[in-house]
C-alpha atoms as a PDB file:
ATOM      1  CA  MET A   1     -87.939 -17.420-124.167  1.00  0.00           C
ATOM      2  CA  LYS A   2     -90.421 -14.546-123.631  1.00  0.00           C
ATOM      3  CA  ALA A   3     -93.943 -14.994-124.894  1.00  0.00           C
ATOM      4  CA  ILE A   4     -97.204 -13.006-124.564  1.00  0.00           C
ATOM      5  CA  GLY A   5    -100.720 -14.984-124.293  1.00  0.00           C
ATOM      6  CA  PHE A   6    -103.640 -15.621-122.054  1.00  0.00           C
ATOM      7  CA  LYS A   7    -104.956 -18.108-119.826  1.00  0.00           C
ATOM      8  CA  THR A   8    -108.506 -17.099-119.440  1.00  0.00           C
ATOM      9  CA  SER A   9    -110.833 -15.015-121.905  1.00  0.00           C
ATOM     10  CA  GLN A  10    -111.166 -11.398-120.644  1.00  0.00           C
ATOM     11  CA  GLU A  11    -112.063  -8.031-122.045  1.00  0.00           C
ATOM     12  CA  ILE A  12    -108.882  -6.394-123.299  1.00  0.00           C
ATOM     13  CA  GLU A  13    -108.919  -3.710-120.804  1.00  0.00           C
ATOM     14  CA  ASN A  14    -108.600  -6.373-118.145  1.00  0.00           C
ATOM     15  CA  LYS A  15    -105.396  -6.886-116.416  1.00  0.00           C
ATOM     16  CA  GLU A  16    -105.279 -10.796-117.159  1.00  0.00           C
ATOM     17  CA  SER A  17    -106.485 -10.473-120.749  1.00  0.00           C
ATOM     18  CA  LEU A  18    -103.007 -10.651-121.931  1.00  0.00           C
ATOM     19  CA  ILE A  19     -99.833 -11.588-119.825  1.00  0.00           C
ATOM     20  CA  GLU A  20     -96.106 -12.138-120.344  1.00  0.00           C
ATOM     21  CA  PHE A  21     -94.339 -15.405-119.353  1.00  0.00           C
ATOM     22  CA  ASN A  22     -91.476 -17.553-120.215  1.00  0.00           C
ATOM     23  CA  ILE A  23     -91.456 -20.992-121.748  1.00  0.00           C
ATOM     24  CA  GLN A  24     -88.793 -23.333-123.266  1.00  0.00           C
ATOM     25  CA  LYS A  25     -87.716 -22.247-126.715  1.00  0.00           C
ATOM     26  CA  PRO A  26     -88.744 -25.022-129.423  1.00  0.00           C
ATOM     27  CA  LYS A  27     -86.711 -27.346-131.168  1.00  0.00           C
ATOM     28  CA  ALA A  28     -87.041 -28.035-134.859  1.00  0.00           C
ATOM     29  CA  LYS A  29     -87.572 -31.729-136.163  1.00  0.00           C
ATOM     30  CA  ASP A  30     -88.776 -33.351-139.374  1.00  0.00           C
ATOM     31  CA  PHE A  31     -90.317 -30.359-141.659  1.00  0.00           C
ATOM     32  CA  ASP A  32     -90.253 -27.815-138.698  1.00  0.00           C
ATOM     33  CA  ILE A  33     -88.243 -24.669-138.679  1.00  0.00           C
ATOM     34  CA  VAL A  34     -87.787 -22.452-135.523  1.00  0.00           C
ATOM     35  CA  ILE A  35     -88.163 -18.820-136.356  1.00  0.00           C
ATOM     36  CA  LYS A  36     -86.629 -15.783-134.449  1.00  0.00           C
ATOM     37  CA  VAL A  37     -89.333 -13.425-134.747  1.00  0.00           C
ATOM     38  CA  SER A  38     -88.717  -9.867-136.023  1.00  0.00           C
ATOM     39  CA  ALA A  39     -92.256  -8.469-136.165  1.00  0.00           C
ATOM     40  CA  VAL A  40     -95.930  -9.638-136.213  1.00  0.00           C
ATOM     41  CA  SER A  41     -99.179  -8.220-137.174  1.00  0.00           C
ATOM     42  CA  MET A  42    -102.706  -8.203-135.782  1.00  0.00           C
ATOM     43  CA  ASN A  43    -105.662  -9.797-137.532  1.00  0.00           C
ATOM     44  CA  PRO A  44    -109.569 -10.239-136.062  1.00  0.00           C
ATOM     45  CA  VAL A  45    -108.725 -13.922-135.367  1.00  0.00           C
ATOM     46  CA  ASP A  46    -106.494 -12.678-132.587  1.00  0.00           C
ATOM     47  CA  THR A  47    -109.139 -10.919-130.814  1.00  0.00           C
ATOM     48  CA  LYS A  48    -111.842 -13.633-131.552  1.00  0.00           C
ATOM     49  CA  VAL A  49    -109.517 -16.505-130.059  1.00  0.00           C
ATOM     50  CA  ARG A  50    -108.623 -14.320-126.988  1.00  0.00           C
ATOM     51  CA  ALA A  51    -112.024 -13.433-126.230  1.00  0.00           C
ATOM     52  CA  ASN A  52    -113.643 -16.899-126.910  1.00  0.00           C
ATOM     53  CA  ALA A  53    -111.063 -19.811-126.295  1.00  0.00           C
ATOM     54  CA  ALA A  54    -110.983 -19.819-122.512  1.00  0.00           C
ATOM     55  CA  LYS A  55    -114.313 -18.497-121.454  1.00  0.00           C
ATOM     56  CA  ASP A  56    -115.125 -19.455-117.698  1.00  0.00           C
ATOM     57  CA  ILE A  57    -111.965 -21.548-117.540  1.00  0.00           C
ATOM     58  CA  ILE A  58    -108.328 -21.193-116.858  1.00  0.00           C
ATOM     59  CA  LEU A  59    -106.010 -23.019-119.192  1.00  0.00           C
ATOM     60  CA  ASP A  60    -103.302 -25.106-117.651  1.00  0.00           C
ATOM     61  CA  GLU A  61    -100.680 -23.271-120.185  1.00  0.00           C
ATOM     62  CA  PRO A  62    -101.209 -20.010-121.594  1.00  0.00           C
ATOM     63  CA  LYS A  63    -102.367 -19.759-125.392  1.00  0.00           C
ATOM     64  CA  ILE A  64    -100.093 -17.778-127.456  1.00  0.00           C
ATOM     65  CA  LEU A  65    -101.703 -15.675-130.125  1.00  0.00           C
ATOM     66  CA  GLY A  66    -100.290 -14.247-133.408  1.00  0.00           C
ATOM     67  CA  TYR A  67    -100.951 -15.365-136.919  1.00  0.00           C
ATOM     68  CA  ASP A  68     -98.470 -13.176-138.947  1.00  0.00           C
ATOM     69  CA  ALA A  69     -94.672 -12.893-138.714  1.00  0.00           C
ATOM     70  CA  VAL A  70     -91.490 -11.933-140.095  1.00  0.00           C
ATOM     71  CA  GLY A  71     -88.389 -13.457-138.878  1.00  0.00           C
ATOM     72  CA  ILE A  72     -85.045 -15.142-139.300  1.00  0.00           C
ATOM     73  CA  VAL A  73     -84.585 -19.240-139.473  1.00  0.00           C
ATOM     74  CA  ASP A  74     -82.655 -19.878-136.365  1.00  0.00           C
ATOM     75  CA  GLU A  75     -82.755 -23.746-136.604  1.00  0.00           C
ATOM     76  CA  ILE A  76     -84.025 -26.402-139.144  1.00  0.00           C
ATOM     77  CA  GLY A  77     -85.522 -29.935-138.930  1.00  0.00           C
ATOM     78  CA  GLU A  78     -83.784 -32.745-140.629  1.00  0.00           C
ATOM     79  CA  HIS A  79     -86.032 -32.833-143.793  1.00  0.00           C
ATOM     80  CA  ILE A  80     -85.578 -29.399-144.887  1.00  0.00           C
ATOM     81  CA  THR A  81     -84.104 -28.561-148.032  1.00  0.00           C
ATOM     82  CA  ASN A  82     -85.435 -25.437-149.014  1.00  0.00           C
ATOM     83  CA  PHE A  83     -84.261 -23.081-146.130  1.00  0.00           C
ATOM     84  CA  LYS A  84     -81.236 -22.537-144.440  1.00  0.00           C
ATOM     85  CA  ILE A  85     -80.305 -20.799-140.995  1.00  0.00           C
ATOM     86  CA  GLY A  86     -80.236 -17.099-141.590  1.00  0.00           C
ATOM     87  CA  ASP A  87     -82.996 -16.925-144.259  1.00  0.00           C
ATOM     88  CA  ARG A  88     -85.424 -14.099-143.687  1.00  0.00           C
ATOM     89  CA  VAL A  89     -88.978 -15.403-143.904  1.00  0.00           C
ATOM     90  CA  PHE A  90     -92.640 -14.568-143.407  1.00  0.00           C
ATOM     91  CA  TYR A  91     -95.711 -16.733-142.829  1.00  0.00           C
ATOM     92  CA  ALA A  92     -99.081 -16.894-141.056  1.00  0.00           C
ATOM     93  CA  GLY A  93     -99.017 -20.140-139.005  1.00  0.00           C
ATOM     94  CA  ASP A  94    -101.601 -22.365-137.609  1.00  0.00           C
ATOM     95  CA  VAL A  95    -104.650 -21.266-135.355  1.00  0.00           C
ATOM     96  CA  SER A  96    -104.501 -24.530-133.678  1.00  0.00           C
ATOM     97  CA  LYS A  97    -100.828 -24.186-132.399  1.00  0.00           C
ATOM     98  CA  ASN A  98     -98.987 -21.559-130.620  1.00  0.00           C
ATOM     99  CA  GLY A  99     -98.854 -18.386-132.319  1.00  0.00           C
ATOM    100  CA  SER A 100     -95.954 -15.799-133.199  1.00  0.00           C
ATOM    101  CA  ASN A 101     -96.199 -13.562-130.298  1.00  0.00           C
ATOM    102  CA  SER A 102     -93.099 -14.909-128.738  1.00  0.00           C
ATOM    103  CA  GLN A 103     -89.435 -14.494-129.193  1.00  0.00           C
ATOM    104  CA  PHE A 104     -89.041 -18.006-131.179  1.00  0.00           C
ATOM    105  CA  GLN A 105     -91.769 -19.870-133.014  1.00  0.00           C
ATOM    106  CA  LEU A 106     -91.846 -23.342-134.258  1.00  0.00           C
ATOM    107  CA  ILE A 107     -93.461 -23.480-137.638  1.00  0.00           C
ATOM    108  CA  ASP A 108     -94.024 -25.996-140.498  1.00  0.00           C
ATOM    109  CA  SER A 109     -91.554 -24.946-143.329  1.00  0.00           C
ATOM    110  CA  ARG A 110     -93.926 -25.891-146.095  1.00  0.00           C
ATOM    111  CA  ILE A 111     -96.309 -22.913-145.190  1.00  0.00           C
ATOM    112  CA  VAL A 112     -93.319 -20.428-145.019  1.00  0.00           C
ATOM    113  CA  ALA A 113     -91.562 -18.375-147.823  1.00  0.00           C
ATOM    114  CA  LEU A 114     -88.754 -16.147-148.067  1.00  0.00           C
ATOM    115  CA  ALA A 115     -89.807 -12.531-147.250  1.00  0.00           C
ATOM    116  CA  PRO A 116     -90.071  -9.663-149.744  1.00  0.00           C
ATOM    117  CA  THR A 117     -86.656  -8.301-149.862  1.00  0.00           C
ATOM    118  CA  SER A 118     -88.053  -4.787-150.558  1.00  0.00           C
ATOM    119  CA  LEU A 119     -89.935  -4.243-147.479  1.00  0.00           C
ATOM    120  CA  LYS A 120     -89.105  -3.621-143.766  1.00  0.00           C
ATOM    121  CA  ASP A 121     -89.951  -6.359-141.229  1.00  0.00           C
ATOM    122  CA  ASP A 122     -93.297  -4.713-140.134  1.00  0.00           C
ATOM    123  CA  GLU A 123     -94.533  -3.930-143.791  1.00  0.00           C
ATOM    124  CA  ALA A 124     -93.942  -7.738-144.713  1.00  0.00           C
ATOM    125  CA  ALA A 125     -95.544  -9.043-141.427  1.00  0.00           C
ATOM    126  CA  ALA A 126     -98.828  -7.198-142.417  1.00  0.00           C
ATOM    127  CA  LEU A 127     -99.241  -9.578-145.576  1.00  0.00           C
ATOM    128  CA  PRO A 128     -98.992 -13.385-145.091  1.00  0.00           C
ATOM    129  CA  LEU A 129    -102.604 -14.006-143.317  1.00  0.00           C
ATOM    130  CA  THR A 130    -104.627 -11.729-145.636  1.00  0.00           C
ATOM    131  CA  SER A 131    -102.805 -12.459-148.726  1.00  0.00           C
ATOM    132  CA  LEU A 132    -103.246 -16.208-148.349  1.00  0.00           C
ATOM    133  CA  THR A 133    -106.925 -15.564-147.538  1.00  0.00           C
ATOM    134  CA  ALA A 134    -107.593 -13.536-150.418  1.00  0.00           C
ATOM    135  CA  TRP A 135    -105.436 -15.704-152.869  1.00  0.00           C
ATOM    136  CA  GLU A 136    -107.232 -18.904-151.723  1.00  0.00           C
ATOM    137  CA  ALA A 137    -110.615 -17.413-151.652  1.00  0.00           C
ATOM    138  CA  MET A 138    -110.368 -16.077-155.277  1.00  0.00           C
ATOM    139  CA  PHE A 139    -108.211 -18.838-157.127  1.00  0.00           C
ATOM    140  CA  ASP A 140    -108.777 -22.140-154.749  1.00  0.00           C
ATOM    141  CA  ARG A 141    -112.357 -21.547-153.635  1.00  0.00           C
ATOM    142  CA  MET A 142    -114.136 -19.281-156.398  1.00  0.00           C
ATOM    143  CA  ASN A 143    -111.646 -20.830-159.098  1.00  0.00           C
ATOM    144  CA  ILE A 144    -111.617 -17.314-160.854  1.00  0.00           C
ATOM    145  CA  ASN A 145    -110.092 -17.388-164.382  1.00  0.00           C
ATOM    146  CA  LYS A 146    -107.415 -14.927-164.292  1.00  0.00           C
ATOM    147  CA  ASN A 147    -108.350 -13.812-168.195  1.00  0.00           C
ATOM    148  CA  ASP A 148    -112.321 -13.494-167.481  1.00  0.00           C
ATOM    149  CA  LYS A 149    -113.514  -9.854-167.927  1.00  0.00           C
ATOM    150  CA  LYS A 150    -115.969 -10.322-165.073  1.00  0.00           C
ATOM    151  CA  THR A 151    -117.093  -8.317-161.897  1.00  0.00           C
ATOM    152  CA  ILE A 152    -116.132  -9.028-158.313  1.00  0.00           C
ATOM    153  CA  LEU A 153    -117.599  -7.257-155.285  1.00  0.00           C
ATOM    154  CA  ILE A 154    -115.480  -7.078-152.036  1.00  0.00           C
ATOM    155  CA  ILE A 155    -117.491  -6.270-149.020  1.00  0.00           C
ATOM    156  CA  GLY A 156    -115.151  -5.052-146.381  1.00  0.00           C
ATOM    157  CA  GLY A 157    -112.779  -3.108-148.890  1.00  0.00           C
ATOM    158  CA  ALA A 158    -110.880  -1.209-146.440  1.00  0.00           C
ATOM    159  CA  GLY A 159    -109.971  -3.993-143.948  1.00  0.00           C
ATOM    160  CA  GLY A 160    -106.648  -6.188-144.241  1.00  0.00           C
ATOM    161  CA  VAL A 161    -108.110  -8.935-146.399  1.00  0.00           C
ATOM    162  CA  GLY A 162    -110.152  -6.501-148.673  1.00  0.00           C
ATOM    163  CA  SER A 163    -107.088  -4.279-149.055  1.00  0.00           C
ATOM    164  CA  ILE A 164    -104.965  -7.222-150.450  1.00  0.00           C
ATOM    165  CA  ALA A 165    -107.711  -8.838-152.489  1.00  0.00           C
ATOM    166  CA  THR A 166    -108.284  -5.733-154.402  1.00  0.00           C
ATOM    167  CA  GLN A 167    -104.545  -5.363-155.194  1.00  0.00           C
ATOM    168  CA  ILE A 168    -104.529  -8.985-156.223  1.00  0.00           C
ATOM    169  CA  ALA A 169    -107.567  -8.875-158.353  1.00  0.00           C
ATOM    170  CA  LYS A 170    -106.350  -5.833-160.142  1.00  0.00           C
ATOM    171  CA  GLU A 171    -102.796  -7.245-160.680  1.00  0.00           C
ATOM    172  CA  SER A 172    -103.386 -10.766-161.503  1.00  0.00           C
ATOM    173  CA  THR A 173    -106.811 -10.956-163.179  1.00  0.00           C
ATOM    174  CA  ASN A 174    -108.878  -8.897-165.555  1.00  0.00           C
ATOM    175  CA  LEU A 175    -111.899  -8.360-163.074  1.00  0.00           C
ATOM    176  CA  THR A 176    -113.563  -5.121-162.265  1.00  0.00           C
ATOM    177  CA  VAL A 177    -113.218  -4.716-158.570  1.00  0.00           C
ATOM    178  CA  ILE A 178    -116.053  -2.988-156.730  1.00  0.00           C
ATOM    179  CA  ALA A 179    -115.386  -2.295-153.030  1.00  0.00           C
ATOM    180  CA  THR A 180    -117.389  -1.335-150.039  1.00  0.00           C
ATOM    181  CA  ALA A 181    -116.589   1.550-147.589  1.00  0.00           C
ATOM    182  CA  SER A 182    -118.534   4.371-146.112  1.00  0.00           C
ATOM    183  CA  ARG A 183    -116.225   6.872-144.247  1.00  0.00           C
ATOM    184  CA  GLU A 184    -114.209   9.496-146.299  1.00  0.00           C
ATOM    185  CA  GLU A 185    -110.819   7.909-145.345  1.00  0.00           C
ATOM    186  CA  THR A 186    -111.929   4.275-145.967  1.00  0.00           C
ATOM    187  CA  ILE A 187    -113.233   5.368-149.298  1.00  0.00           C
ATOM    188  CA  SER A 188    -109.849   7.001-150.109  1.00  0.00           C
ATOM    189  CA  TRP A 189    -107.861   3.805-148.910  1.00  0.00           C
ATOM    190  CA  CYS A 190    -109.909   1.558-151.356  1.00  0.00           C
ATOM    191  CA  LYS A 191    -109.207   3.751-154.207  1.00  0.00           C
ATOM    192  CA  LYS A 192    -105.640   3.816-153.209  1.00  0.00           C
ATOM    193  CA  MET A 193    -105.828  -0.010-153.116  1.00  0.00           C
ATOM    194  CA  GLY A 194    -106.855   0.080-156.750  1.00  0.00           C
ATOM    195  CA  ALA A 195    -110.549  -0.397-156.421  1.00  0.00           C
ATOM    196  CA  ASP A 196    -112.443   0.832-159.695  1.00  0.00           C
ATOM    197  CA  TYR A 197    -115.630   1.658-157.733  1.00  0.00           C
ATOM    198  CA  VAL A 198    -116.355   2.071-154.176  1.00  0.00           C
ATOM    199  CA  VAL A 199    -119.663   1.598-152.804  1.00  0.00           C
ATOM    200  CA  ASN A 200    -121.701   2.042-149.597  1.00  0.00           C
ATOM    201  CA  HIS A 201    -122.153  -1.193-147.736  1.00  0.00           C
ATOM    202  CA  LYS A 202    -125.060   0.666-145.719  1.00  0.00           C
ATOM    203  CA  ASP A 203    -127.118   0.705-148.861  1.00  0.00           C
ATOM    204  CA  LEU A 204    -125.600  -2.094-150.787  1.00  0.00           C
ATOM    205  CA  VAL A 205    -128.000  -2.974-153.449  1.00  0.00           C
ATOM    206  CA  ASN A 206    -128.857   0.369-154.716  1.00  0.00           C
ATOM    207  CA  SER A 207    -124.888   1.490-154.139  1.00  0.00           C
ATOM    208  CA  VAL A 208    -123.813  -1.276-156.598  1.00  0.00           C
ATOM    209  CA  LYS A 209    -126.770  -0.766-159.267  1.00  0.00           C
ATOM    210  CA  ASN A 210    -125.796   3.185-159.041  1.00  0.00           C
ATOM    211  CA  THR A 211    -122.426   2.096-160.536  1.00  0.00           C
ATOM    212  CA  GLY A 212    -124.234   0.511-163.641  1.00  0.00           C
ATOM    213  CA  PHE A 213    -124.036  -3.047-162.535  1.00  0.00           C
ATOM    214  CA  GLU A 214    -127.320  -4.880-161.725  1.00  0.00           C
ATOM    215  CA  THR A 215    -125.451  -7.956-160.719  1.00  0.00           C
ATOM    216  CA  VAL A 216    -121.903  -9.042-160.023  1.00  0.00           C
ATOM    217  CA  ASP A 217    -120.216 -12.336-160.951  1.00  0.00           C
ATOM    218  CA  TYR A 218    -118.204 -12.949-157.559  1.00  0.00           C
ATOM    219  CA  ILE A 219    -118.733 -11.485-154.340  1.00  0.00           C
ATOM    220  CA  PHE A 220    -115.961 -11.994-151.405  1.00  0.00           C
ATOM    221  CA  ASN A 221    -117.457 -11.066-148.223  1.00  0.00           C
ATOM    222  CA  VAL A 222    -114.703 -10.235-145.575  1.00  0.00           C
ATOM    223  CA  ALA A 223    -116.959  -8.074-143.370  1.00  0.00           C
ATOM    224  CA  ASN A 224    -120.365  -9.827-142.274  1.00  0.00           C
ATOM    225  CA  THR A 225    -122.105 -12.828-143.380  1.00  0.00           C
ATOM    226  CA  GLU A 226    -125.563 -12.381-142.207  1.00  0.00           C
ATOM    227  CA  ILE A 227    -126.156  -8.722-142.274  1.00  0.00           C
ATOM    228  CA  HIS A 228    -125.430  -8.771-146.264  1.00  0.00           C
ATOM    229  CA  TRP A 229    -126.974 -12.079-147.085  1.00  0.00           C
ATOM    230  CA  ASP A 230    -130.110 -10.668-148.628  1.00  0.00           C
ATOM    231  CA  ALA A 231    -128.199  -8.155-150.421  1.00  0.00           C
ATOM    232  CA  MET A 232    -125.584 -10.716-151.744  1.00  0.00           C
ATOM    233  CA  ALA A 233    -128.592 -12.838-152.919  1.00  0.00           C
ATOM    234  CA  GLU A 234    -130.094 -10.062-154.907  1.00  0.00           C
ATOM    235  CA  LEU A 235    -126.566  -8.910-156.391  1.00  0.00           C
ATOM    236  CA  ILE A 236    -125.015 -12.007-157.317  1.00  0.00           C
ATOM    237  CA  ALA A 237    -125.489 -12.997-161.115  1.00  0.00           C
ATOM    238  CA  PRO A 238    -126.898 -16.232-162.125  1.00  0.00           C
ATOM    239  CA  GLN A 239    -124.354 -19.081-161.875  1.00  0.00           C
ATOM    240  CA  GLY A 240    -122.193 -16.674-159.577  1.00  0.00           C
ATOM    241  CA  LYS A 241    -120.001 -17.479-156.633  1.00  0.00           C
ATOM    242  CA  ILE A 242    -120.025 -16.131-153.257  1.00  0.00           C
ATOM    243  CA  CYS A 243    -117.316 -16.671-150.838  1.00  0.00           C
ATOM    244  CA  SER A 244    -117.394 -15.637-147.172  1.00  0.00           C
ATOM    245  CA  ILE A 245    -114.672 -15.621-144.382  1.00  0.00           C
ATOM    246  CA  VAL A 246    -116.786 -14.483-141.597  1.00  0.00           C
ATOM    247  CA  ASP A 247    -118.911 -16.956-139.488  1.00  0.00           C
ATOM    248  CA  ALA A 248    -122.742 -16.322-139.499  1.00  0.00           C
ATOM    249  CA  GLU A 249    -123.993 -15.573-135.962  1.00  0.00           C
ATOM    250  CA  ILE A 250    -127.608 -16.298-136.894  1.00  0.00           C
ATOM    251  CA  PRO A 251    -128.996 -18.717-139.685  1.00  0.00           C
ATOM    252  CA  VAL A 252    -129.260 -17.412-142.984  1.00  0.00           C
ATOM    253  CA  ASP A 253    -131.675 -18.677-145.915  1.00  0.00           C
ATOM    254  CA  ILE A 254    -129.427 -20.623-148.222  1.00  0.00           C
ATOM    255  CA  ASN A 255    -132.525 -21.260-150.503  1.00  0.00           C
ATOM    256  CA  LYS A 256    -132.353 -17.614-151.536  1.00  0.00           C
ATOM    257  CA  LEU A 257    -129.602 -18.888-153.920  1.00  0.00           C
ATOM    258  CA  LYS A 258    -131.242 -21.776-155.598  1.00  0.00           C
ATOM    259  CA  SER A 259    -132.973 -20.263-158.350  1.00  0.00           C
ATOM    260  CA  LYS A 260    -129.658 -18.664-159.831  1.00  0.00           C
ATOM    261  CA  SER A 261    -127.713 -21.776-159.130  1.00  0.00           C
ATOM    262  CA  VAL A 262    -125.400 -19.650-157.044  1.00  0.00           C
ATOM    263  CA  THR A 263    -122.091 -21.436-155.473  1.00  0.00           C
ATOM    264  CA  PHE A 264    -121.551 -20.486-151.958  1.00  0.00           C
ATOM    265  CA  ILE A 265    -118.250 -21.369-150.454  1.00  0.00           C
ATOM    266  CA  TRP A 266    -116.149 -20.797-147.242  1.00  0.00           C
ATOM    267  CA  GLU A 267    -112.501 -19.736-147.092  1.00  0.00           C
ATOM    268  CA  PHE A 268    -110.637 -20.480-143.794  1.00  0.00           C
ATOM    269  CA  MET A 269    -106.807 -19.771-144.371  1.00  0.00           C
ATOM    270  CA  PHE A 270    -105.775 -22.402-141.684  1.00  0.00           C
ATOM    271  CA  THR A 271    -107.490 -25.295-143.159  1.00  0.00           C
ATOM    272  CA  ARG A 272    -104.346 -26.480-144.878  1.00  0.00           C
ATOM    273  CA  PRO A 273    -102.017 -26.356-141.897  1.00  0.00           C
ATOM    274  CA  MET A 274    -104.528 -27.354-139.343  1.00  0.00           C
ATOM    275  CA  PHE A 275    -105.685 -30.643-141.357  1.00  0.00           C
ATOM    276  CA  ASN A 276    -101.977 -31.045-142.957  1.00  0.00           C
ATOM    277  CA  THR A 277    -103.869 -31.509-146.277  1.00  0.00           C
ATOM    278  CA  ASN A 278    -102.070 -33.102-149.046  1.00  0.00           C
ATOM    279  CA  ASP A 279    -101.589 -29.919-150.662  1.00  0.00           C
ATOM    280  CA  ILE A 280    -100.229 -28.081-147.600  1.00  0.00           C
ATOM    281  CA  GLU A 281     -97.129 -26.990-149.473  1.00  0.00           C
ATOM    282  CA  LYS A 282     -99.496 -24.631-151.642  1.00  0.00           C
ATOM    283  CA  GLN A 283     -99.430 -22.029-148.851  1.00  0.00           C
ATOM    284  CA  GLY A 284     -95.677 -21.642-149.062  1.00  0.00           C
ATOM    285  CA  GLU A 285     -95.990 -21.321-152.989  1.00  0.00           C
ATOM    286  CA  ILE A 286     -98.757 -18.610-152.579  1.00  0.00           C
ATOM    287  CA  LEU A 287     -96.668 -16.435-150.276  1.00  0.00           C
ATOM    288  CA  SER A 288     -93.436 -16.879-152.688  1.00  0.00           C
ATOM    289  CA  GLU A 289     -95.905 -15.369-155.358  1.00  0.00           C
ATOM    290  CA  ILE A 290     -96.957 -12.609-153.206  1.00  0.00           C
ATOM    291  CA  ALA A 291     -93.171 -11.676-152.625  1.00  0.00           C
ATOM    292  CA  THR A 292     -92.301 -11.671-156.080  1.00  0.00           C
ATOM    293  CA  LEU A 293     -95.348  -9.396-156.800  1.00  0.00           C
ATOM    294  CA  VAL A 294     -94.280  -6.936-154.147  1.00  0.00           C
ATOM    295  CA  ASP A 295     -90.660  -6.878-155.015  1.00  0.00           C
ATOM    296  CA  GLY A 296     -91.698  -6.269-158.431  1.00  0.00           C
ATOM    297  CA  GLY A 297     -93.648  -3.284-157.332  1.00  0.00           C
ATOM    298  CA  LYS A 298     -96.885  -4.833-158.435  1.00  0.00           C
ATOM    299  CA  ILE A 299     -98.514  -4.979-154.947  1.00  0.00           C
ATOM    300  CA  LYS A 300     -97.832  -3.061-151.751  1.00  0.00           C
ATOM    301  CA  THR A 301     -98.138  -3.517-148.286  1.00  0.00           C
ATOM    302  CA  THR A 302    -101.279  -2.849-146.456  1.00  0.00           C
ATOM    303  CA  LEU A 303     -99.878  -1.568-143.240  1.00  0.00           C
ATOM    304  CA  SER A 304    -101.049   1.370-141.786  1.00  0.00           C
ATOM    305  CA  LYS A 305     -99.957   1.304-137.994  1.00  0.00           C
ATOM    306  CA  THR A 306     -96.858   0.050-136.344  1.00  0.00           C
ATOM    307  CA  PHE A 307     -96.319  -0.354-132.536  1.00  0.00           C
ATOM    308  CA  GLN A 308     -92.597  -0.317-131.532  1.00  0.00           C
ATOM    309  CA  GLY A 309     -91.528  -3.122-128.975  1.00  0.00           C
ATOM    310  CA  PHE A 310     -92.674  -6.589-127.956  1.00  0.00           C
ATOM    311  CA  ASN A 311     -94.349  -6.085-124.776  1.00  0.00           C
ATOM    312  CA  VAL A 312     -97.805  -6.672-123.373  1.00  0.00           C
ATOM    313  CA  GLU A 313     -98.790  -2.994-123.321  1.00  0.00           C
ATOM    314  CA  ASN A 314     -98.254  -2.844-127.241  1.00  0.00           C
ATOM    315  CA  ILE A 315     -99.884  -6.131-128.128  1.00  0.00           C
ATOM    316  CA  LYS A 316    -102.842  -4.843-125.889  1.00  0.00           C
ATOM    317  CA  ASP A 317    -102.946  -1.631-127.771  1.00  0.00           C
ATOM    318  CA  ALA A 318    -103.140  -3.607-131.064  1.00  0.00           C
ATOM    319  CA  HIS A 319    -106.076  -5.464-129.886  1.00  0.00           C
ATOM    320  CA  LYS A 320    -107.903  -2.465-128.827  1.00  0.00           C
ATOM    321  CA  LEU A 321    -107.314  -0.796-132.316  1.00  0.00           C
ATOM    322  CA  SER A 322    -108.554  -3.978-134.128  1.00  0.00           C
ATOM    323  CA  GLU A 323    -111.580  -4.263-132.002  1.00  0.00           C
ATOM    324  CA  SER A 324    -112.484  -0.583-132.379  1.00  0.00           C
ATOM    325  CA  GLY A 325    -113.666  -1.171-135.831  1.00  0.00           C
ATOM    326  CA  LYS A 326    -111.672   1.999-137.159  1.00  0.00           C
ATOM    327  CA  ALA A 327    -108.644   0.200-138.155  1.00  0.00           C
ATOM    328  CA  ILE A 328    -107.731   0.732-141.832  1.00  0.00           C
ATOM    329  CA  GLY A 329    -105.245  -1.796-143.366  1.00  0.00           C
ATOM    330  CA  LYS A 330    -102.954  -3.683-141.026  1.00  0.00           C
ATOM    331  CA  ILE A 331    -101.569  -3.185-137.471  1.00  0.00           C
ATOM    332  CA  ALA A 332     -98.026  -4.370-136.719  1.00  0.00           C
ATOM    333  CA  ILE A 333     -95.622  -4.687-133.841  1.00  0.00           C
ATOM    334  CA  GLN A 334     -92.040  -4.472-134.398  1.00  0.00           C
ATOM    335  CA  PHE A 335     -90.043  -6.315-131.907  1.00  0.00           C
END
């Protein structure tokens, strides 16, 4: 089968940054299924893995990226009871294994769900990783009570995770959503996603307070941890909760949170599949809930750009757009 990946970490403009190659089609066993991939979407993790996983080395086998996909079940393992050949499914996958930038992918069935029937392949491919990240952050990490009438600040509101987090918060909770954006087009996008207020992350503390809120009960940081650390420490309410998905490039002062008894917690969507946790099937359940919300007209795809055709040029263009910092919502590649 055809696949696209890399053997050494390079800038995206480099000819060898992404390459096409052929490998053996995988075989399903146990809880695994083989998916014939129809569409994938880009996430920042794709560019980060490409840039860092093989610095100054050449891998023996190319690493395949891609952590969002829609496709058709082509083969099932002997323990599979919840899927059949021909089912149309969507999923995010496991960053420690080969990704979805290939014609077929082997995936653990427990982190897969039937795809929303109301969406096209590229529209559905935009959802799994970001939906799982947002859902886990709010309900598994910060333990948000869906009936609480509290406030959440989403830092990075126009990105893939921020876009779907806003929708989930508005549809599935009673939270007031404050999202950050600074450009006219990103402000408009955040409002389209359902944010109650849009504030400027370049002057975060004053911008939030100008909305009438001195503090917020929850902060979900999907943009930058260390740059916004002091602002988050000031804005978070006593006994509030902060969740981040972005590595801190420099140390931050955790002591700033002590006097308010603030909870700080990480969300890493790949934890369950990477460590085969005893609740790994929760990811399939979350995706089923997302599909139900989509097909019920409650939330919508965050897709903003689709490249047509599974080839190196389109995957590279998607990486370039993602790395530009100007992407809004999600980028997909239709096979």
